[in-house]
């Protein structure tokens, strides 16, 4: 090999290292995200808001969880405590008043939560918020093909979340959940990950937070040893959960106040 060839080959390596360093620096700055003043409106539970909380935690910004008070939890249960409790709370005056308040704050442009308040603007629709926050935090790729990978994982996670609610509400049996839904959805996510560290190899992104949240807030919450048959997902789960800012948030009193799904009986 010629010396010139070696020099030429080193240029892409230097460029790649520079790009990675720049990406890391960008994530640390969390461009476009204010350090304080954010408010997240949702249930006092994980649900579709927990991915947003994890994104904000990873970005190193502060936010306030604005939730409604559960009405008569001794009678109605907490959010995830029984097969009927979630739907029962949607009929309470407390929940209806909270949603009405969110509609008013959002200028009647949305009728659902989660809703994010930032810089006196209001953002709704969970998937749009995920991408919005991830882009501002440097956790969403700029390349179109990489963006497809993240969006593909987003769609898979949405599909995989549905059976966890179905089994909680006893619309499907625990046996069906474990024998059909778990292998189907977690198996797909494991095959897509392959032997990579993250879904975009070498790059931590929204995709990894989405899958971590799916596992942490839903599958592992309901079936604590569910990852025993999915070692690659278990590796991802540990890597994401071990990230300094995410680990700190998960251990915080703030996170402890947010209700998680309970193990299946």
C-alpha atoms as a PDB file:
ATOM      1  CA  UNK A   1       0.000   0.000   0.000  1.00  0.00           C
ATOM      2  CA  UNK A   2       1.343   3.428  -0.938  1.00  0.00           C
ATOM      3  CA  UNK A   3       1.843   6.142   1.663  1.00  0.00           C
ATOM      4  CA  UNK A   4      -0.484   8.362  -0.341  1.00  0.00           C
ATOM      5  CA  UNK A   5      -3.137   5.650  -0.217  1.00  0.00           C
ATOM      6  CA  UNK A   6      -2.784   5.468   3.557  1.00  0.00           C
ATOM      7  CA  UNK A   7      -3.122   9.220   3.823  1.00  0.00           C
ATOM      8  CA  UNK A   8      -6.195   9.194   1.629  1.00  0.00           C
ATOM      9  CA  UNK A   9      -7.783   6.401   3.672  1.00  0.00           C
ATOM     10  CA  UNK A  10      -7.167   8.302   6.913  1.00  0.00           C
ATOM     11  CA  UNK A  11      -9.183  11.312   5.745  1.00  0.00           C
ATOM     12  CA  UNK A  12     -12.589   9.587   5.948  1.00  0.00           C
ATOM     13  CA  UNK A  13     -11.611   8.211   9.372  1.00  0.00           C
ATOM     14  CA  UNK A  14     -10.803  11.702  10.619  1.00  0.00           C
ATOM     15  CA  UNK A  15     -13.960  13.089   9.069  1.00  0.00           C
ATOM     16  CA  UNK A  16     -16.042  10.349  10.665  1.00  0.00           C
ATOM     17  CA  UNK A  17     -14.474  10.950  14.077  1.00  0.00           C
ATOM     18  CA  UNK A  18     -15.082  14.686  13.716  1.00  0.00           C
ATOM     19  CA  UNK A  19     -18.710  14.085  12.747  1.00  0.00           C
ATOM     20  CA  UNK A  20     -19.269  11.798  15.749  1.00  0.00           C
ATOM     21  CA  UNK A  21     -17.688  14.344  18.088  1.00  0.00           C
ATOM     22  CA  UNK A  22     -19.894  17.062  16.633  1.00  0.00           C
ATOM     23  CA  UNK A  23     -23.002  14.895  17.043  1.00  0.00           C
ATOM     24  CA  UNK A  24     -22.117  14.197  20.674  1.00  0.00           C
ATOM     25  CA  UNK A  25     -21.582  17.886  21.343  1.00  0.00           C
ATOM     26  CA  UNK A  26     -24.890  18.718  19.658  1.00  0.00           C
ATOM     27  CA  UNK A  27     -26.751  16.230  21.850  1.00  0.00           C
ATOM     28  CA  UNK A  28     -25.135  17.704  24.964  1.00  0.00           C
ATOM     29  CA  UNK A  29     -26.306  21.197  23.990  1.00  0.00           C
ATOM     30  CA  UNK A  30     -29.845  20.007  23.250  1.00  0.00           C
ATOM     31  CA  UNK A  31     -30.295  22.757  20.606  1.00  0.00           C
ATOM     32  CA  UNK A  32     -33.655  24.454  20.611  1.00  0.00           C
ATOM     33  CA  UNK A  33     -34.780  22.971  23.920  1.00  0.00           C
ATOM     34  CA  UNK A  34     -35.002  25.443  26.799  1.00  0.00           C
ATOM     35  CA  UNK A  35     -33.383  24.190  29.972  1.00  0.00           C
ATOM     36  CA  UNK A  36     -36.445  25.002  32.064  1.00  0.00           C
ATOM     37  CA  UNK A  37     -40.079  26.010  31.686  1.00  0.00           C
ATOM     38  CA  UNK A  38     -41.444  22.973  29.845  1.00  0.00           C
ATOM     39  CA  UNK A  39     -44.735  21.417  30.922  1.00  0.00           C
ATOM     40  CA  UNK A  40     -46.046  18.002  29.937  1.00  0.00           C
ATOM     41  CA  UNK A  41     -49.789  17.424  30.311  1.00  0.00           C
ATOM     42  CA  UNK A  42     -50.906  13.830  30.716  1.00  0.00           C
ATOM     43  CA  UNK A  43     -52.255  11.153  33.001  1.00  0.00           C
ATOM     44  CA  UNK A  44     -50.290  10.484  36.218  1.00  0.00           C
ATOM     45  CA  UNK A  45     -49.001   7.387  34.415  1.00  0.00           C
ATOM     46  CA  UNK A  46     -46.473   6.226  31.830  1.00  0.00           C
ATOM     47  CA  UNK A  47     -48.573   5.573  28.700  1.00  0.00           C
ATOM     48  CA  UNK A  48     -47.650   7.602  25.629  1.00  0.00           C
ATOM     49  CA  UNK A  49     -45.984  10.371  27.631  1.00  0.00           C
ATOM     50  CA  UNK A  50     -43.137   8.340  29.099  1.00  0.00           C
ATOM     51  CA  UNK A  51     -41.119   8.388  25.872  1.00  0.00           C
ATOM     52  CA  UNK A  52     -41.310  12.199  25.982  1.00  0.00           C
ATOM     53  CA  UNK A  53     -40.126  12.206  29.586  1.00  0.00           C
ATOM     54  CA  UNK A  54     -37.181   9.970  28.697  1.00  0.00           C
ATOM     55  CA  UNK A  55     -36.248  12.191  25.749  1.00  0.00           C
ATOM     56  CA  UNK A  56     -36.302  15.277  27.957  1.00  0.00           C
ATOM     57  CA  UNK A  57     -34.280  13.494  30.619  1.00  0.00           C
ATOM     58  CA  UNK A  58     -31.653  12.419  28.079  1.00  0.00           C
ATOM     59  CA  UNK A  59     -31.510  15.996  26.756  1.00  0.00           C
ATOM     60  CA  UNK A  60     -30.813  17.278  30.267  1.00  0.00           C
ATOM     61  CA  UNK A  61     -33.754  19.677  30.457  1.00  0.00           C
ATOM     62  CA  UNK A  62     -36.243  20.241  33.263  1.00  0.00           C
ATOM     63  CA  UNK A  63     -39.991  19.873  32.858  1.00  0.00           C
ATOM     64  CA  UNK A  64     -43.109  19.816  34.986  1.00  0.00           C
ATOM     65  CA  UNK A  65     -45.519  16.899  34.836  1.00  0.00           C
ATOM     66  CA  UNK A  66     -48.984  18.448  34.838  1.00  0.00           C
ATOM     67  CA  UNK A  67     -51.462  15.697  35.715  1.00  0.00           C
ATOM     68  CA  UNK A  68     -55.001  15.417  37.018  1.00  0.00           C
ATOM     69  CA  UNK A  69     -55.974  14.017  40.385  1.00  0.00           C
ATOM     70  CA  UNK A  70     -57.527  10.585  40.180  1.00  0.00           C
ATOM     71  CA  UNK A  71     -61.109  10.627  41.366  1.00  0.00           C
ATOM     72  CA  UNK A  72     -61.947   8.248  44.224  1.00  0.00           C
ATOM     73  CA  UNK A  73     -59.071   5.780  43.641  1.00  0.00           C
ATOM     74  CA  UNK A  74     -60.313   3.548  46.461  1.00  0.00           C
ATOM     75  CA  UNK A  75     -63.468   2.925  44.448  1.00  0.00           C
ATOM     76  CA  UNK A  76     -62.198   3.364  40.889  1.00  0.00           C
ATOM     77  CA  UNK A  77     -58.697   2.035  41.369  1.00  0.00           C
ATOM     78  CA  UNK A  78     -55.527   3.707  40.112  1.00  0.00           C
ATOM     79  CA  UNK A  79     -54.746   4.034  36.414  1.00  0.00           C
ATOM     80  CA  UNK A  80     -53.514   0.486  35.811  1.00  0.00           C
ATOM     81  CA  UNK A  81     -54.694  -1.309  38.949  1.00  0.00           C
ATOM     82  CA  UNK A  82     -57.623  -3.256  37.481  1.00  0.00           C
ATOM     83  CA  UNK A  83     -58.895  -4.303  34.079  1.00  0.00           C
ATOM     84  CA  UNK A  84     -61.531  -1.539  34.187  1.00  0.00           C
ATOM     85  CA  UNK A  85     -59.770   1.282  36.026  1.00  0.00           C
ATOM     86  CA  UNK A  86     -58.239   3.029  33.015  1.00  0.00           C
ATOM     87  CA  UNK A  87     -61.545   3.311  31.174  1.00  0.00           C
ATOM     88  CA  UNK A  88     -63.420   4.176  34.374  1.00  0.00           C
ATOM     89  CA  UNK A  89     -61.214   7.224  34.930  1.00  0.00           C
ATOM     90  CA  UNK A  90     -62.003   8.524  31.438  1.00  0.00           C
ATOM     91  CA  UNK A  91     -65.605   8.965  32.603  1.00  0.00           C
ATOM     92  CA  UNK A  92     -64.770  11.027  35.716  1.00  0.00           C
ATOM     93  CA  UNK A  93     -65.284  14.771  36.039  1.00  0.00           C
ATOM     94  CA  UNK A  94     -61.645  15.195  37.035  1.00  0.00           C
ATOM     95  CA  UNK A  95     -60.439  13.699  33.766  1.00  0.00           C
ATOM     96  CA  UNK A  96     -62.987  15.565  31.652  1.00  0.00           C
ATOM     97  CA  UNK A  97     -62.080  18.895  33.270  1.00  0.00           C
ATOM     98  CA  UNK A  98     -58.387  18.236  32.691  1.00  0.00           C
ATOM     99  CA  UNK A  99     -58.935  17.472  29.005  1.00  0.00           C
ATOM    100  CA  UNK A 100     -61.108  20.586  28.649  1.00  0.00           C
ATOM    101  CA  UNK A 101     -58.320  22.660  30.195  1.00  0.00           C
ATOM    102  CA  UNK A 102     -55.792  21.182  27.769  1.00  0.00           C
ATOM    103  CA  UNK A 103     -58.062  21.945  24.806  1.00  0.00           C
ATOM    104  CA  UNK A 104     -58.419  25.525  25.987  1.00  0.00           C
ATOM    105  CA  UNK A 105     -54.673  25.979  26.484  1.00  0.00           C
ATOM    106  CA  UNK A 106     -54.009  24.466  23.068  1.00  0.00           C
ATOM    107  CA  UNK A 107     -56.416  26.831  21.372  1.00  0.00           C
ATOM    108  CA  UNK A 108     -58.933  24.051  20.660  1.00  0.00           C
ATOM    109  CA  UNK A 109     -56.551  22.634  18.068  1.00  0.00           C
ATOM    110  CA  UNK A 110     -56.359  19.272  19.812  1.00  0.00           C
ATOM    111  CA  UNK A 111     -58.637  17.133  21.931  1.00  0.00           C
ATOM    112  CA  UNK A 112     -56.101  14.652  23.227  1.00  0.00           C
ATOM    113  CA  UNK A 113     -53.094  14.275  25.469  1.00  0.00           C
ATOM    114  CA  UNK A 114     -50.119  14.132  25.882  1.00  0.00           C
ATOM    115  CA  UNK A 115     -49.584  17.812  25.223  1.00  0.00           C
ATOM    116  CA  UNK A 116     -46.250  19.602  25.564  1.00  0.00           C
ATOM    117  CA  UNK A 117     -45.954  23.281  26.447  1.00  0.00           C
ATOM    118  CA  UNK A 118     -42.725  24.996  25.418  1.00  0.00           C
ATOM    119  CA  UNK A 119     -41.994  28.689  24.933  1.00  0.00           C
ATOM    120  CA  UNK A 120     -45.704  29.515  25.304  1.00  0.00           C
ATOM    121  CA  UNK A 121     -46.607  27.165  22.467  1.00  0.00           C
ATOM    122  CA  UNK A 122     -48.535  23.903  22.742  1.00  0.00           C
ATOM    123  CA  UNK A 123     -47.738  20.695  20.893  1.00  0.00           C
ATOM    124  CA  UNK A 124     -49.974  17.624  20.668  1.00  0.00           C
ATOM    125  CA  UNK A 125     -50.049  14.168  19.021  1.00  0.00           C
ATOM    126  CA  UNK A 126     -47.561  11.844  20.675  1.00  0.00           C
ATOM    127  CA  UNK A 127     -45.669  10.726  17.567  1.00  0.00           C
ATOM    128  CA  UNK A 128     -45.226  14.296  16.374  1.00  0.00           C
ATOM    129  CA  UNK A 129     -43.967  15.306  19.821  1.00  0.00           C
ATOM    130  CA  UNK A 130     -41.473  12.413  19.867  1.00  0.00           C
ATOM    131  CA  UNK A 131     -39.950  13.536  16.576  1.00  0.00           C
ATOM    132  CA  UNK A 132     -40.114  17.222  17.510  1.00  0.00           C
ATOM    133  CA  UNK A 133     -38.287  16.791  20.819  1.00  0.00           C
ATOM    134  CA  UNK A 134     -35.838  14.261  19.361  1.00  0.00           C
ATOM    135  CA  UNK A 135     -34.871  16.622  16.539  1.00  0.00           C
ATOM    136  CA  UNK A 136     -34.283  19.464  18.962  1.00  0.00           C
ATOM    137  CA  UNK A 137     -32.274  17.190  21.262  1.00  0.00           C
ATOM    138  CA  UNK A 138     -30.052  15.820  18.470  1.00  0.00           C
ATOM    139  CA  UNK A 139     -31.652  12.380  18.786  1.00  0.00           C
ATOM    140  CA  UNK A 140     -33.220  12.196  15.340  1.00  0.00           C
ATOM    141  CA  UNK A 141     -31.081  11.568  12.235  1.00  0.00           C
ATOM    142  CA  UNK A 142     -30.671  14.045   9.403  1.00  0.00           C
ATOM    143  CA  UNK A 143     -30.232  11.401   6.687  1.00  0.00           C
ATOM    144  CA  UNK A 144     -33.468  10.259   5.034  1.00  0.00           C
ATOM    145  CA  UNK A 145     -32.591   6.550   5.137  1.00  0.00           C
ATOM    146  CA  UNK A 146     -31.695   6.762   8.834  1.00  0.00           C
ATOM    147  CA  UNK A 147     -34.937   8.623   9.462  1.00  0.00           C
ATOM    148  CA  UNK A 148     -36.783   5.683   7.933  1.00  0.00           C
ATOM    149  CA  UNK A 149     -35.143   3.325  10.429  1.00  0.00           C
ATOM    150  CA  UNK A 150     -36.333   5.460  13.342  1.00  0.00           C
ATOM    151  CA  UNK A 151     -39.840   5.865  11.914  1.00  0.00           C
ATOM    152  CA  UNK A 152     -40.018   2.140  11.254  1.00  0.00           C
ATOM    153  CA  UNK A 153     -39.215   1.429  14.907  1.00  0.00           C
ATOM    154  CA  UNK A 154     -41.816   3.987  15.967  1.00  0.00           C
ATOM    155  CA  UNK A 155     -44.470   2.109  13.975  1.00  0.00           C
ATOM    156  CA  UNK A 156     -43.355  -1.258  15.389  1.00  0.00           C
ATOM    157  CA  UNK A 157     -43.463   0.062  18.941  1.00  0.00           C
ATOM    158  CA  UNK A 158     -46.966   1.423  18.425  1.00  0.00           C
ATOM    159  CA  UNK A 159     -48.102  -1.997  17.182  1.00  0.00           C
ATOM    160  CA  UNK A 160     -46.384  -3.737  20.103  1.00  0.00           C
ATOM    161  CA  UNK A 161     -47.934  -1.504  22.751  1.00  0.00           C
ATOM    162  CA  UNK A 162     -51.537  -2.465  21.928  1.00  0.00           C
ATOM    163  CA  UNK A 163     -51.398  -6.081  23.245  1.00  0.00           C
ATOM    164  CA  UNK A 164     -50.153  -4.882  26.649  1.00  0.00           C
ATOM    165  CA  UNK A 165     -53.338  -2.894  27.125  1.00  0.00           C
ATOM    166  CA  UNK A 166     -55.412  -5.753  25.738  1.00  0.00           C
ATOM    167  CA  UNK A 167     -54.028  -8.248  28.250  1.00  0.00           C
ATOM    168  CA  UNK A 168     -54.320  -5.762  31.121  1.00  0.00           C
ATOM    169  CA  UNK A 169     -58.001  -5.263  30.287  1.00  0.00           C
ATOM    170  CA  UNK A 170     -58.398  -9.020  29.828  1.00  0.00           C
ATOM    171  CA  UNK A 171     -59.444  -8.645  26.209  1.00  0.00           C
ATOM    172  CA  UNK A 172     -56.889 -11.345  25.454  1.00  0.00           C
ATOM    173  CA  UNK A 173     -55.654 -14.062  27.780  1.00  0.00           C
ATOM    174  CA  UNK A 174     -52.289 -14.029  29.497  1.00  0.00           C
ATOM    175  CA  UNK A 175     -51.487 -17.280  27.677  1.00  0.00           C
ATOM    176  CA  UNK A 176     -52.153 -15.718  24.271  1.00  0.00           C
ATOM    177  CA  UNK A 177     -50.103 -12.678  25.213  1.00  0.00           C
ATOM    178  CA  UNK A 178     -47.106 -14.770  26.240  1.00  0.00           C
ATOM    179  CA  UNK A 179     -47.292 -17.393  23.493  1.00  0.00           C
ATOM    180  CA  UNK A 180     -48.224 -15.179  20.535  1.00  0.00           C
ATOM    181  CA  UNK A 181     -47.868 -11.439  21.140  1.00  0.00           C
ATOM    182  CA  UNK A 182     -44.551 -11.435  23.003  1.00  0.00           C
ATOM    183  CA  UNK A 183     -42.651 -13.605  20.456  1.00  0.00           C
ATOM    184  CA  UNK A 184     -44.206 -11.711  17.555  1.00  0.00           C
ATOM    185  CA  UNK A 185     -43.393  -8.170  18.654  1.00  0.00           C
ATOM    186  CA  UNK A 186     -40.226  -8.598  20.709  1.00  0.00           C
ATOM    187  CA  UNK A 187     -38.929 -11.135  18.217  1.00  0.00           C
ATOM    188  CA  UNK A 188     -39.315  -8.600  15.399  1.00  0.00           C
ATOM    189  CA  UNK A 189     -37.561  -5.875  17.374  1.00  0.00           C
ATOM    190  CA  UNK A 190     -34.703  -8.251  18.251  1.00  0.00           C
ATOM    191  CA  UNK A 191     -34.222  -9.309  14.619  1.00  0.00           C
ATOM    192  CA  UNK A 192     -34.178  -5.697  13.434  1.00  0.00           C
ATOM    193  CA  UNK A 193     -31.585  -4.795  16.080  1.00  0.00           C
ATOM    194  CA  UNK A 194     -29.396  -7.767  15.171  1.00  0.00           C
ATOM    195  CA  UNK A 195     -25.885  -7.592  16.584  1.00  0.00           C
ATOM    196  CA  UNK A 196     -25.819  -3.785  16.617  1.00  0.00           C
ATOM    197  CA  UNK A 197     -25.445  -1.683  19.744  1.00  0.00           C
ATOM    198  CA  UNK A 198     -28.277   0.633  18.693  1.00  0.00           C
ATOM    199  CA  UNK A 199     -30.854   0.615  15.895  1.00  0.00           C
ATOM    200  CA  UNK A 200     -28.662   3.115  14.060  1.00  0.00           C
ATOM    201  CA  UNK A 201     -25.298   1.373  14.602  1.00  0.00           C
ATOM    202  CA  UNK A 202     -23.041   3.478  16.788  1.00  0.00           C
ATOM    203  CA  UNK A 203     -25.616   6.237  17.159  1.00  0.00           C
ATOM    204  CA  UNK A 204     -28.040   6.555  20.084  1.00  0.00           C
ATOM    205  CA  UNK A 205     -31.399   7.854  18.867  1.00  0.00           C
ATOM    206  CA  UNK A 206     -35.128   8.152  19.424  1.00  0.00           C
ATOM    207  CA  UNK A 207     -35.490   4.569  18.169  1.00  0.00           C
ATOM    208  CA  UNK A 208     -33.588   3.209  21.159  1.00  0.00           C
ATOM    209  CA  UNK A 209     -35.575   5.291  23.643  1.00  0.00           C
ATOM    210  CA  UNK A 210     -38.823   4.108  22.049  1.00  0.00           C
ATOM    211  CA  UNK A 211     -37.906   0.450  22.444  1.00  0.00           C
ATOM    212  CA  UNK A 212     -36.535   0.957  25.946  1.00  0.00           C
ATOM    213  CA  UNK A 213     -39.781   2.621  27.008  1.00  0.00           C
ATOM    214  CA  UNK A 214     -41.845  -0.152  25.404  1.00  0.00           C
ATOM    215  CA  UNK A 215     -39.888  -2.716  27.396  1.00  0.00           C
ATOM    216  CA  UNK A 216     -39.507  -0.819  30.663  1.00  0.00           C
ATOM    217  CA  UNK A 217     -43.026   0.642  30.942  1.00  0.00           C
ATOM    218  CA  UNK A 218     -44.977  -2.215  29.386  1.00  0.00           C
ATOM    219  CA  UNK A 219     -43.462  -5.646  28.722  1.00  0.00           C
ATOM    220  CA  UNK A 220     -40.967  -5.869  31.578  1.00  0.00           C
ATOM    221  CA  UNK A 221     -43.433  -4.119  33.886  1.00  0.00           C
ATOM    222  CA  UNK A 222     -46.035  -6.799  33.138  1.00  0.00           C
ATOM    223  CA  UNK A 223     -43.677  -9.773  32.819  1.00  0.00           C
ATOM    224  CA  UNK A 224     -40.431  -9.028  34.720  1.00  0.00           C
ATOM    225  CA  UNK A 225     -38.433 -11.889  33.130  1.00  0.00           C
ATOM    226  CA  UNK A 226     -39.791 -11.385  29.612  1.00  0.00           C
ATOM    227  CA  UNK A 227     -36.355 -10.576  28.164  1.00  0.00           C
ATOM    228  CA  UNK A 228     -34.821 -13.904  29.108  1.00  0.00           C
ATOM    229  CA  UNK A 229     -35.473 -15.185  25.579  1.00  0.00           C
ATOM    230  CA  UNK A 230     -34.349 -11.967  23.880  1.00  0.00           C
ATOM    231  CA  UNK A 231     -30.690 -11.410  24.797  1.00  0.00           C
ATOM    232  CA  UNK A 232     -30.080  -8.724  22.194  1.00  0.00           C
ATOM    233  CA  UNK A 233     -33.016  -6.674  23.385  1.00  0.00           C
ATOM    234  CA  UNK A 234     -31.824  -7.245  26.958  1.00  0.00           C
ATOM    235  CA  UNK A 235     -28.462  -5.776  25.958  1.00  0.00           C
ATOM    236  CA  UNK A 236     -30.141  -2.705  24.470  1.00  0.00           C
ATOM    237  CA  UNK A 237     -32.384  -2.407  27.526  1.00  0.00           C
ATOM    238  CA  UNK A 238     -29.343  -2.363  29.814  1.00  0.00           C
ATOM    239  CA  UNK A 239     -27.400   0.087  27.643  1.00  0.00           C
ATOM    240  CA  UNK A 240     -30.224   2.609  27.480  1.00  0.00           C
ATOM    241  CA  UNK A 241     -31.246   2.176  31.108  1.00  0.00           C
ATOM    242  CA  UNK A 242     -27.632   2.645  32.135  1.00  0.00           C
ATOM    243  CA  UNK A 243     -27.212   6.013  30.439  1.00  0.00           C
ATOM    244  CA  UNK A 244     -26.409   8.546  33.132  1.00  0.00           C
ATOM    245  CA  UNK A 245     -29.320  10.973  32.694  1.00  0.00           C
ATOM    246  CA  UNK A 246     -31.932   8.316  32.003  1.00  0.00           C
ATOM    247  CA  UNK A 247     -30.752   6.235  34.957  1.00  0.00           C
ATOM    248  CA  UNK A 248     -30.928   9.302  37.191  1.00  0.00           C
ATOM    249  CA  UNK A 249     -34.468  10.120  36.055  1.00  0.00           C
ATOM    250  CA  UNK A 250     -35.713   6.555  36.554  1.00  0.00           C
ATOM    251  CA  UNK A 251     -34.366   6.612  40.127  1.00  0.00           C
ATOM    252  CA  UNK A 252     -35.890  10.011  40.913  1.00  0.00           C
ATOM    253  CA  UNK A 253     -38.906  10.912  43.050  1.00  0.00           C
ATOM    254  CA  UNK A 254     -40.313  12.596  39.953  1.00  0.00           C
ATOM    255  CA  UNK A 255     -40.441   9.297  38.102  1.00  0.00           C
ATOM    256  CA  UNK A 256     -41.699   7.440  41.167  1.00  0.00           C
ATOM    257  CA  UNK A 257     -44.859   9.574  41.129  1.00  0.00           C
ATOM    258  CA  UNK A 258     -45.733   8.274  37.643  1.00  0.00           C
ATOM    259  CA  UNK A 259     -47.735   5.038  37.765  1.00  0.00           C
ATOM    260  CA  UNK A 260     -46.333   2.043  35.910  1.00  0.00           C
ATOM    261  CA  UNK A 261     -48.132  -1.062  34.730  1.00  0.00           C
ATOM    262  CA  UNK A 262     -48.221  -3.873  37.274  1.00  0.00           C
ATOM    263  CA  UNK A 263     -47.098  -7.494  36.773  1.00  0.00           C
ATOM    264  CA  UNK A 264     -49.768  -9.682  35.245  1.00  0.00           C
ATOM    265  CA  UNK A 265     -51.566 -11.884  37.758  1.00  0.00           C
END
